[in-house]
Protein backbone atom coordinates (compact mmCIF):
# COMPACT_ATOMS: atom_id res chain seq x y z
CA MET A 1 29.83 -2.53 33.33
CA ALA A 2 31.10 -2.93 29.77
CA ALA A 3 34.46 -4.64 29.36
CA SER A 4 37.13 -2.74 27.47
CA GLY A 5 40.36 -3.79 25.80
CA ARG A 6 42.80 -2.97 23.06
CA HIS A 7 43.13 -4.63 19.69
CA GLY A 8 45.68 -3.52 17.13
CA GLY A 9 46.40 -0.36 19.08
CA ARG A 10 42.73 0.71 18.92
CA PRO A 11 40.46 0.61 21.97
CA PHE A 12 37.10 -1.08 21.74
CA VAL A 13 34.17 -1.35 24.10
CA LYS A 14 31.73 -4.24 24.24
CA SER A 15 28.19 -3.08 24.71
CA GLY A 16 25.98 -4.81 27.25
CA ARG A 17 23.84 -6.21 24.44
CA PHE A 18 26.91 -7.68 22.67
CA ARG A 19 28.30 -9.17 25.87
CA ALA A 20 24.97 -10.65 26.97
CA ARG A 21 24.56 -12.42 23.66
CA HIS A 22 27.98 -14.09 23.91
CA GLU A 23 27.79 -14.90 27.60
CA SER A 24 24.35 -16.51 27.48
CA ALA A 25 23.71 -20.19 27.85
CA ASP A 26 23.25 -20.38 24.10
CA GLU A 27 27.03 -20.33 23.74
CA ILE A 28 27.37 -23.14 26.29
CA LEU A 29 24.71 -25.54 24.95
CA LYS A 30 26.06 -27.70 22.13
CA LEU A 31 23.92 -30.35 20.53
CA ASP A 32 25.50 -33.75 20.10
CA PHE A 33 24.39 -34.67 16.60
CA SER A 34 25.95 -38.11 16.98
CA ARG A 35 23.02 -39.01 19.26
CA GLU A 36 19.64 -40.04 17.96
CA PRO A 37 17.55 -37.00 16.98
CA SER A 38 14.74 -38.20 19.23
CA GLU A 39 17.06 -38.20 22.26
CA ASN A 40 18.13 -34.63 21.62
CA LEU A 41 14.51 -33.65 21.11
CA LYS A 42 13.35 -35.26 24.36
CA GLU A 43 16.06 -33.44 26.28
CA ILE A 44 15.05 -30.11 24.74
CA LEU A 45 11.32 -30.61 25.30
CA ALA A 46 11.91 -31.61 28.92
CA VAL A 47 13.52 -28.23 29.55
CA ILE A 48 10.79 -26.37 27.64
CA VAL A 49 7.92 -27.90 29.63
CA SER A 50 9.70 -27.58 32.95
CA GLN A 51 7.97 -25.01 35.14
CA SER A 52 10.61 -24.67 37.86
CA SER A 53 14.35 -24.31 38.37
CA VAL A 54 14.96 -23.41 34.72
CA SER A 55 16.19 -19.92 33.98
CA LYS A 56 14.97 -17.84 31.08
CA SER A 57 18.37 -17.89 29.38
CA LYS A 58 18.48 -21.69 29.58
CA LYS A 59 15.05 -22.01 27.99
CA LEU A 60 16.13 -19.65 25.23
CA ALA A 61 19.26 -21.71 24.64
CA TYR A 62 17.29 -24.93 24.30
CA LEU A 63 14.68 -23.31 22.05
CA ASN A 64 17.41 -22.01 19.75
CA ALA A 65 18.94 -25.48 19.76
CA LEU A 66 15.57 -26.92 18.74
CA VAL A 67 15.57 -24.65 15.69
CA LYS A 68 18.95 -26.07 14.67
CA LEU A 69 17.63 -29.60 15.19
CA VAL A 70 14.57 -28.96 13.02
CA LEU A 71 16.68 -27.37 10.30
CA LYS A 72 18.93 -30.45 10.23
CA TYR A 73 16.38 -33.27 10.51
CA GLY A 74 13.03 -31.73 9.63
CA ASN A 75 9.92 -32.27 11.74
CA ASP A 76 9.14 -35.97 11.26
CA LYS A 77 12.28 -38.00 12.08
CA TYR A 78 11.85 -38.43 15.80
CA SER A 79 10.94 -41.94 16.92
CA GLY A 80 8.57 -42.12 19.86
CA LEU A 81 7.33 -38.55 19.44
CA SER A 82 4.56 -37.50 17.10
CA LYS A 83 4.12 -34.01 15.70
CA ARG A 84 1.13 -33.57 17.96
CA ASP A 85 3.24 -34.39 21.02
CA ILE A 86 5.88 -31.86 19.98
CA LEU A 87 3.30 -29.14 19.38
CA CYS A 88 1.69 -29.85 22.77
CA CYS A 89 5.05 -29.27 24.47
CA LEU A 90 5.71 -26.10 22.49
CA ARG A 91 2.25 -24.79 23.34
CA LEU A 92 3.22 -24.63 27.00
CA GLY A 93 6.04 -22.25 26.13
CA LEU A 94 3.52 -19.72 24.83
CA PHE A 95 2.21 -19.32 28.40
CA HIS A 96 5.63 -18.38 29.79
CA GLU A 97 5.79 -15.04 31.57
CA ALA A 98 8.90 -13.87 29.67
CA LYS A 99 8.18 -12.32 26.27
CA GLU A 100 11.58 -13.48 24.99
CA VAL A 101 10.65 -17.12 25.64
CA ARG A 102 7.28 -16.72 23.94
CA ALA A 103 8.99 -15.13 20.94
CA ALA A 104 11.48 -18.01 20.77
CA VAL A 105 8.64 -20.55 20.84
CA LEU A 106 6.91 -18.75 17.99
CA ARG A 107 10.17 -18.88 16.07
CA VAL A 108 10.41 -22.64 16.63
CA LEU A 109 6.83 -23.10 15.43
CA ARG A 110 7.61 -21.17 12.26
CA TYR A 111 10.44 -23.55 11.39
CA PHE A 112 8.44 -26.58 12.50
CA LEU A 113 5.56 -25.84 10.12
CA GLN A 114 6.68 -27.41 6.86
CA GLU A 115 3.47 -28.85 5.36
CA SER A 116 -0.25 -28.18 5.48
CA GLU A 117 -0.95 -31.20 7.72
CA THR A 118 1.05 -29.60 10.52
CA VAL A 119 -1.10 -26.49 10.17
CA ASP A 120 -4.17 -28.64 10.81
CA LEU A 121 -2.55 -29.99 13.97
CA LEU A 122 -1.75 -26.45 15.10
CA TYR A 123 -5.41 -25.47 14.70
CA SER A 124 -6.65 -28.61 16.47
CA LEU A 125 -4.54 -27.71 19.52
CA HIS A 126 -5.90 -24.12 19.45
CA ILE A 127 -2.42 -22.66 19.16
CA ASP A 128 -3.86 -20.08 16.75
CA TYR A 129 -5.55 -18.39 19.73
CA LEU A 130 -2.17 -18.01 21.40
CA ILE A 131 -0.68 -16.59 18.19
CA VAL A 132 -3.42 -13.95 18.12
CA ARG A 133 -2.73 -13.21 21.78
CA SER A 134 0.91 -12.54 20.94
CA ILE A 135 -0.05 -10.22 18.06
CA ASP A 136 -2.55 -8.32 20.19
CA ILE A 137 -0.25 -7.98 23.18
CA SER A 138 1.38 -4.74 24.34
CA LEU A 139 2.94 -2.62 21.60
CA ASP A 140 6.20 -2.70 23.56
CA ASN A 141 6.61 -6.45 22.95
CA GLU A 142 7.81 -5.89 19.41
CA VAL A 143 9.97 -9.01 19.17
CA GLU A 144 7.12 -11.29 20.17
CA ARG A 145 4.68 -9.57 17.81
CA ILE A 146 7.16 -9.76 14.93
CA HIS A 147 7.62 -13.50 15.37
CA ALA A 148 3.86 -14.00 15.65
CA ILE A 149 3.26 -12.17 12.37
CA LYS A 150 6.11 -14.12 10.77
CA LEU A 151 4.35 -17.31 11.84
CA VAL A 152 1.11 -16.13 10.23
CA ARG A 153 3.02 -15.38 7.04
CA ARG A 154 4.53 -18.86 7.18
CA ILE A 155 1.06 -20.39 7.30
CA LEU A 156 0.06 -18.16 4.40
CA GLN A 157 3.05 -19.44 2.46
CA ILE A 158 2.64 -23.19 2.94
CA ALA A 159 -1.17 -23.44 3.20
CA PRO A 160 -2.84 -20.21 1.99
CA LYS A 161 -6.29 -21.79 1.77
CA LYS A 162 -6.04 -22.91 5.40
CA LEU A 163 -5.29 -19.49 6.86
CA SER A 164 -8.09 -18.88 9.35
CA ASP A 165 -10.18 -15.77 9.93
CA LEU A 166 -8.87 -15.72 13.48
CA LEU A 167 -5.31 -15.03 12.31
CA LEU A 168 -6.23 -12.39 9.73
CA TYR A 169 -8.57 -10.26 11.84
CA PRO A 170 -5.77 -8.87 14.08
CA LEU A 171 -3.77 -7.82 11.01
CA VAL A 172 -6.81 -6.06 9.57
CA ALA A 173 -7.31 -4.28 12.90
CA ILE A 174 -3.66 -3.17 12.94
CA SER A 175 -4.01 -1.88 9.37
CA ASN A 176 -7.12 0.10 10.24
CA ASP A 177 -6.08 1.68 13.54
CA GLY A 178 -2.36 1.09 13.90
CA THR A 179 -1.34 4.43 12.43
CA GLY A 180 -3.21 6.38 15.09
CA GLU A 181 -1.50 4.33 17.80
CA ARG A 182 1.92 4.62 16.11
CA ASP A 183 2.10 0.86 15.74
CA ARG A 184 5.26 -0.11 13.87
CA MET A 185 3.62 -3.31 12.62
CA VAL A 186 1.26 -1.45 10.27
CA ARG A 187 3.30 -1.95 7.10
CA ILE A 188 4.02 -5.63 7.63
CA ALA A 189 0.32 -6.15 8.41
CA LEU A 190 -0.62 -4.38 5.19
CA GLU A 191 1.88 -6.44 3.23
CA THR A 192 0.43 -9.66 4.62
CA ILE A 193 -3.11 -8.56 3.82
CA CYS A 194 -2.14 -7.68 0.25
CA GLU A 195 -0.45 -11.06 -0.20
CA THR A 196 -3.61 -12.72 1.07
CA ALA A 197 -5.54 -10.97 -1.70
CA PHE A 198 -3.56 -12.93 -4.28
CA VAL A 199 -3.78 -16.39 -2.71
CA ASN A 200 -7.02 -16.35 -0.70
CA PRO A 201 -9.24 -13.42 -1.78
CA GLU A 202 -12.37 -15.00 -0.28
CA LEU A 203 -10.85 -14.86 3.19
CA LEU A 204 -9.67 -11.30 2.64
CA ALA A 205 -13.14 -10.10 1.66
CA ARG A 206 -14.74 -11.96 4.57
CA CYS A 207 -12.43 -10.32 7.12
CA GLY A 208 -12.80 -6.77 5.80
CA GLY A 209 -9.33 -6.67 4.29
CA ILE A 210 -10.45 -4.85 1.14
CA SER A 211 -11.76 -1.89 3.14
CA ALA A 212 -8.54 -1.90 5.17
CA ILE A 213 -6.46 -1.66 1.99
CA LEU A 214 -8.57 1.21 0.66
CA ARG A 215 -8.31 3.08 3.97
CA ALA A 216 -4.56 2.56 4.06
CA ALA A 217 -4.21 3.94 0.54
CA LEU A 218 -5.58 7.27 1.77
CA ASP A 219 -3.00 7.26 4.55
CA CYS A 220 0.09 6.84 2.32
CA HIS A 221 0.62 10.38 1.10
CA GLN A 222 4.37 10.24 1.81
CA TYR A 223 5.00 6.90 0.10
CA PRO A 224 3.82 6.85 -3.53
CA ARG A 225 5.08 3.30 -4.11
CA ILE A 226 3.12 1.94 -1.15
CA ASN A 227 0.03 3.81 -2.29
CA GLU A 228 0.40 2.41 -5.80
CA SER A 229 0.95 -1.13 -4.48
CA LEU A 230 -2.19 -0.99 -2.35
CA VAL A 231 -4.29 0.27 -5.24
CA ALA A 232 -2.73 -2.34 -7.56
CA THR A 233 -3.89 -5.06 -5.16
CA ILE A 234 -7.48 -3.88 -5.49
CA LEU A 235 -7.13 -3.60 -9.26
CA HIS A 236 -5.78 -7.16 -9.39
CA LEU A 237 -9.01 -8.38 -7.79
CA LEU A 238 -10.99 -6.20 -10.17
CA ASN A 239 -9.17 -7.55 -13.22
CA HIS A 240 -10.20 -11.20 -12.78
CA PRO A 241 -13.80 -12.39 -13.23
CA ARG A 242 -13.48 -14.82 -10.32
CA THR A 243 -12.67 -12.07 -7.81
CA ARG A 244 -14.31 -9.03 -9.40
CA HIS A 245 -17.47 -9.34 -7.33
CA PHE A 246 -15.49 -8.67 -4.14
CA ILE A 247 -15.08 -5.01 -5.23
CA LYS A 248 -18.48 -3.44 -4.59
CA PHE A 249 -19.78 -1.39 -7.48
CA ASN A 250 -20.10 2.36 -6.85
CA THR A 251 -18.77 1.88 -3.32
CA ASP A 252 -15.24 0.56 -2.89
CA LEU A 253 -13.17 2.41 -5.48
CA GLU A 254 -15.22 5.54 -4.89
CA GLN A 255 -13.88 5.63 -1.31
CA LEU A 256 -10.59 6.82 -2.77
CA LEU A 257 -12.35 9.92 -4.14
CA ALA A 258 -13.79 10.95 -0.78
CA PRO A 259 -11.23 13.72 -0.02
CA PHE A 260 -12.31 15.43 -3.26
CA THR A 261 -15.99 14.58 -3.54
CA ASP A 262 -16.96 14.90 0.14
CA CYS A 263 -16.45 18.47 1.28
CA HIS A 264 -16.79 17.41 4.93
CA TYR A 265 -14.57 14.35 4.64
CA ARG A 266 -12.60 13.46 7.77
CA PHE A 267 -10.27 10.50 8.07
CA SER A 268 -11.70 8.61 11.05
CA ALA A 269 -8.30 8.11 12.70
CA GLU A 270 -7.82 11.85 12.99
CA SER A 271 -9.19 14.25 15.52
CA LEU A 272 -11.33 17.16 14.45
CA GLU A 273 -8.39 19.56 14.68
CA GLN A 274 -6.09 17.32 12.65
CA SER A 275 -8.58 17.03 9.81
CA SER A 276 -7.87 20.57 8.62
CA GLY A 277 -4.86 22.28 7.15
CA GLU A 278 -1.85 20.10 6.52
CA GLU A 279 -3.64 16.80 7.14
CA LYS A 280 -6.29 17.76 4.60
CA GLU A 281 -3.57 18.32 2.01
CA HIS A 282 -2.16 14.88 2.82
CA ARG A 283 -5.53 13.27 2.04
CA PHE A 284 -5.70 15.18 -1.23
CA ALA A 285 -2.21 13.96 -2.17
CA ALA A 286 -3.02 10.33 -1.31
CA SER A 287 -6.33 10.43 -3.17
CA LYS A 288 -4.64 12.00 -6.19
CA MET A 289 -2.03 9.22 -6.34
CA ALA A 290 -4.72 6.56 -6.01
CA VAL A 291 -6.90 8.06 -8.75
CA ILE A 292 -3.96 8.29 -11.16
CA SER A 293 -3.00 4.68 -10.43
CA ILE A 294 -6.56 3.56 -11.17
CA MET A 295 -6.86 5.59 -14.37
CA ARG A 296 -3.58 4.25 -15.74
CA THR A 297 -4.84 0.66 -15.82
CA TRP A 298 -7.36 -0.84 -18.21
CA SER A 299 -9.42 -2.45 -15.47
CA GLY A 300 -9.48 0.82 -13.53
CA ILE A 301 -10.64 2.82 -16.54
CA ILE A 302 -13.39 0.35 -17.37
CA ARG A 303 -14.77 0.39 -13.81
CA PHE A 304 -14.24 4.08 -13.07
CA CYS A 305 -15.45 5.47 -16.39
CA ARG A 306 -18.58 3.39 -16.95
CA PRO A 307 -21.60 5.55 -17.86
CA ASP A 308 -23.61 4.02 -15.01
CA ALA A 309 -20.80 4.50 -12.47
CA SER A 310 -20.44 7.46 -10.13
CA GLY A 311 -16.65 7.77 -9.93
CA LEU A 312 -15.77 9.98 -12.88
CA GLN A 313 -19.04 11.91 -12.75
CA SER A 314 -18.34 12.77 -9.10
CA LEU A 315 -14.93 14.21 -9.92
CA VAL A 316 -16.33 16.28 -12.77
CA GLY A 317 -19.37 17.42 -10.80
CA ILE A 318 -17.33 18.73 -7.86
CA LEU A 319 -15.67 21.26 -10.19
CA TYR A 320 -18.97 23.16 -10.29
CA LEU A 321 -18.69 23.89 -6.56
CA PRO A 322 -16.56 26.88 -5.46
CA TYR A 323 -13.90 24.99 -3.50
CA LYS A 324 -10.47 26.28 -4.48
CA GLU A 325 -8.33 23.45 -3.01
CA ILE A 326 -10.49 20.76 -4.58
CA ARG A 327 -10.41 22.45 -7.97
CA HIS A 328 -6.63 22.76 -7.80
CA GLY A 329 -6.33 19.09 -6.91
CA ILE A 330 -8.53 17.89 -9.78
CA LEU A 331 -6.68 20.06 -12.28
CA GLU A 332 -3.40 18.52 -11.12
CA ILE A 333 -4.92 15.07 -11.63
CA LEU A 334 -5.80 16.03 -15.21
CA PHE A 335 -2.29 17.30 -15.93
CA ASP A 336 -0.72 14.12 -14.57
CA LEU A 337 -3.16 11.76 -16.26
CA PHE A 338 -2.60 13.19 -19.71
CA ARG A 339 1.15 13.51 -19.18
CA LEU A 340 1.11 17.29 -19.39
CA LYS A 341 3.53 19.56 -17.61
CA ILE A 342 1.89 21.45 -14.76
CA PRO A 343 2.18 25.22 -15.38
CA GLU A 344 3.60 27.57 -12.83
CA LEU A 345 1.01 28.86 -10.38
CA THR A 346 0.80 32.51 -11.39
CA GLU A 347 -1.69 35.18 -12.37
CA ASP A 348 0.24 36.06 -15.53
CA PHE A 349 -0.97 34.01 -18.49
CA ASN A 350 2.23 34.42 -20.54
CA THR A 351 4.41 33.28 -17.64
CA ALA A 352 2.30 30.17 -17.20
CA LEU A 353 2.49 29.36 -20.92
CA LEU A 354 6.27 29.79 -21.00
CA SER A 355 6.62 27.42 -18.04
CA VAL A 356 5.02 24.60 -20.07
CA ASP A 357 6.67 25.36 -23.41
CA PRO A 358 7.47 21.90 -24.90
CA SER A 359 10.56 23.25 -26.65
CA ASP A 360 12.02 24.55 -23.41
CA ILE A 361 14.87 22.61 -21.79
CA GLN A 362 13.51 19.96 -19.44
CA GLU A 363 15.04 18.40 -16.36
CA ASN A 364 15.64 15.00 -17.98
CA TRP A 365 17.62 16.55 -20.83
CA SER A 366 20.75 16.75 -18.70
CA LEU A 367 23.98 14.92 -19.46
CA THR A 368 23.38 12.45 -16.64
CA ASP A 369 19.87 11.46 -17.82
CA GLY A 370 20.29 10.54 -21.46
CA PHE A 371 20.73 14.02 -22.96
CA VAL A 372 20.26 13.69 -26.73
CA ALA A 373 18.15 10.53 -26.50
CA GLU A 374 15.65 12.02 -24.06
CA GLU A 375 15.46 15.29 -25.97
CA GLY A 376 14.83 13.44 -29.23
CA LYS A 377 12.11 11.27 -27.70
CA CYS A 378 10.29 14.37 -26.47
CA ILE A 379 10.53 16.46 -29.65
CA LEU A 380 10.87 14.15 -32.67
CA PRO A 381 7.92 12.03 -33.90
CA HIS A 382 8.12 8.25 -33.68
CA MET A 383 9.53 6.60 -36.81
CA ALA A 384 7.02 3.72 -36.81
CA LYS A 385 3.97 5.68 -37.92
CA ILE A 386 1.87 2.66 -38.91
CA ARG A 387 2.36 0.73 -35.68
CA PRO A 388 -0.32 1.37 -33.02
CA ASN A 389 0.89 3.21 -29.95
CA LEU A 390 -0.68 1.62 -26.88
CA ILE A 391 0.09 4.66 -24.74
CA GLU A 392 -1.80 6.91 -27.15
CA ASN A 393 -4.63 4.38 -27.35
CA HIS A 394 -4.89 4.47 -23.57
CA LEU A 395 -4.84 8.27 -23.53
CA ALA A 396 -7.50 8.41 -26.26
CA LEU A 397 -9.83 6.15 -24.28
CA LEU A 398 -9.17 8.18 -21.15
CA LEU A 399 -9.82 11.43 -22.99
CA SER A 400 -13.05 10.14 -24.50
CA ALA A 401 -14.29 9.06 -21.07
CA TRP A 402 -13.52 12.42 -19.46
CA ILE A 403 -15.11 14.36 -22.31
CA GLY A 404 -18.16 12.11 -22.15
CA ALA A 405 -18.44 12.86 -18.43
CA GLY A 406 -18.55 16.60 -19.18
CA ILE A 407 -15.07 17.75 -18.20
CA LEU A 408 -14.95 20.49 -20.87
CA GLU A 409 -18.09 22.22 -19.62
CA ALA A 410 -16.87 21.83 -16.05
CA LEU A 411 -13.58 23.51 -16.95
CA ILE A 412 -15.51 26.39 -18.49
CA GLU A 413 -17.31 26.78 -15.17
CA VAL A 414 -13.95 26.85 -13.38
CA ILE A 415 -12.66 29.48 -15.82
CA ILE A 416 -15.55 31.87 -15.29
CA SER A 417 -15.94 31.45 -11.53
CA SER A 418 -12.40 31.18 -10.13
CA ASP A 419 -9.63 33.53 -9.14
CA ARG A 420 -6.90 34.52 -11.60
CA GLN A 421 -4.43 31.72 -10.76
CA LEU A 422 -7.00 28.97 -11.14
CA PHE A 423 -8.40 30.67 -14.25
CA VAL A 424 -4.98 30.51 -15.93
CA ARG A 425 -4.47 26.82 -15.18
CA ALA A 426 -8.01 25.86 -16.21
CA THR A 427 -7.64 27.72 -19.51
CA ILE A 428 -4.36 25.96 -20.29
CA ILE A 429 -5.69 22.48 -19.51
CA LEU A 430 -8.85 23.20 -21.55
CA GLY A 431 -6.73 24.11 -24.56
CA ASP A 432 -4.52 21.06 -24.09
CA LEU A 433 -7.50 18.70 -23.88
CA LEU A 434 -9.06 20.18 -27.02
CA HIS A 435 -5.75 19.79 -28.84
CA LEU A 436 -5.41 16.17 -27.72
CA ALA A 437 -9.00 15.48 -28.75
CA SER A 438 -8.42 16.85 -32.25
CA THR A 439 -5.29 14.71 -32.73
CA MET A 440 -6.23 11.47 -30.94
CA LEU A 441 -9.97 11.00 -31.25
CA PRO A 442 -11.67 9.93 -34.51
CA ALA A 443 -14.00 12.22 -36.41
CA GLU A 444 -17.04 10.45 -34.95
CA CYS A 445 -16.10 11.81 -31.52
CA THR A 446 -15.85 15.51 -32.47
CA HIS A 447 -19.02 16.46 -30.60
CA HIS A 448 -16.74 17.95 -27.92
CA ASN A 449 -16.36 21.06 -30.07
CA HIS A 450 -19.91 22.03 -29.17
CA CYS A 451 -18.71 23.20 -25.77
CA LEU A 452 -16.93 26.21 -27.25
CA PRO A 453 -20.05 28.16 -28.30
CA SER A 454 -21.13 28.37 -24.67
CA LEU A 455 -17.75 29.84 -23.74
CA LEU A 456 -17.83 32.29 -26.65
CA ALA A 457 -21.38 33.33 -25.85
CA LEU A 458 -20.40 34.02 -22.28
CA ALA A 459 -17.29 35.95 -23.32
CA SER A 460 -19.29 38.16 -25.69
CA SER A 461 -22.19 38.72 -23.31
CA PRO A 462 -22.79 42.39 -22.41
CA ASP A 463 -23.89 41.33 -18.93
CA LEU A 464 -20.41 40.28 -17.79
CA THR A 465 -19.09 41.96 -14.66
CA SER A 466 -15.55 43.26 -14.33
CA ALA A 467 -14.70 40.35 -12.02
CA GLN A 468 -15.76 37.82 -14.65
CA THR A 469 -13.75 39.48 -17.39
């Protein structure tokens, strides 16, 4: 029963959790730092290895005291006790039946690991198997699992090249299947895997971490920043010659296009019923964010837009198939990539044009978002006309790649074979791309104009049906 009282005329109630914390043996045990550190350590280890007549709260108190001792003296100032002896005693605590005790032991190990040599000792005593056991234990043991993952991250921090496959495989498994099981450790597992990509990419590739990151990117439709971070990790590997070979050509990055390019795509963690409707829209949204993140980096453009690659050609080719949702999604990708305002979804052409009028008042022209400065940046030309604009250079390269892949002819196919709403959007984006091409691309790249005769010939054909007109 919670104790109650009055302080300053206001009643307060101590919760059971608050009271238990302050009434535990941790408040009673006080280390005598005037003694030799080794004496304190021997007393603590004697309690930890004791298998009888020691309560759980007492073990927790001594384990917490050991953390304070390690923080004060480090892990190598105990005469008569080697690091191996200390780790052997702590290993016994990982077999305790109480999850709180196991979590406390993992916490002690995290503070005890201060150099790579201690990591070697930990492996030699096979404590890594017990760490994996704690990670793979019941989902209800969150505290123990959190401390186990923290310990893995500690090893990654002090000795990244010594992180073993055994410790990374459980995190990859959580990243792959944790969402379906509502595992709350999914994000921290993904974060650890992404950090491994920067310090030990060989281990990541060997354990299947790259595929786990790509899968997770398609599952982050609600969190654009997480999606972008996951894709950026892959692009980091792609950007460096030493790690570029880990990203399989025509395979890995193309996985992110699957919701668009595979008409029967189903995320493996979903059931057959979940793979339709709203969940399908989520995959489209995640894939769209990933594609835009790739296209907005130099390394992503170079890999995605290579003539012998299948990524860009797949996106363009799918426009020839009569799938309305996919066509809408790819058109939205084009609008976002080329920094164009998406027109209102309507059957009236004039209404759609007015909704993207560049002279119309925009949301960021308000008093709270810069007002005159933002309006001037959008309307007025840049004063430094002779200085190269890297953003325009990037857009020009992107535009040249899309035109080379046949996007203009594909848009013509969308215009002549879609309903009125999609027809309006496709016509607007076609005009915008032609305008950008005439202003950004050099004269040597004007072959894109040859797509217009096919559209004019079709428009003037006497064989057109009323639906096509």
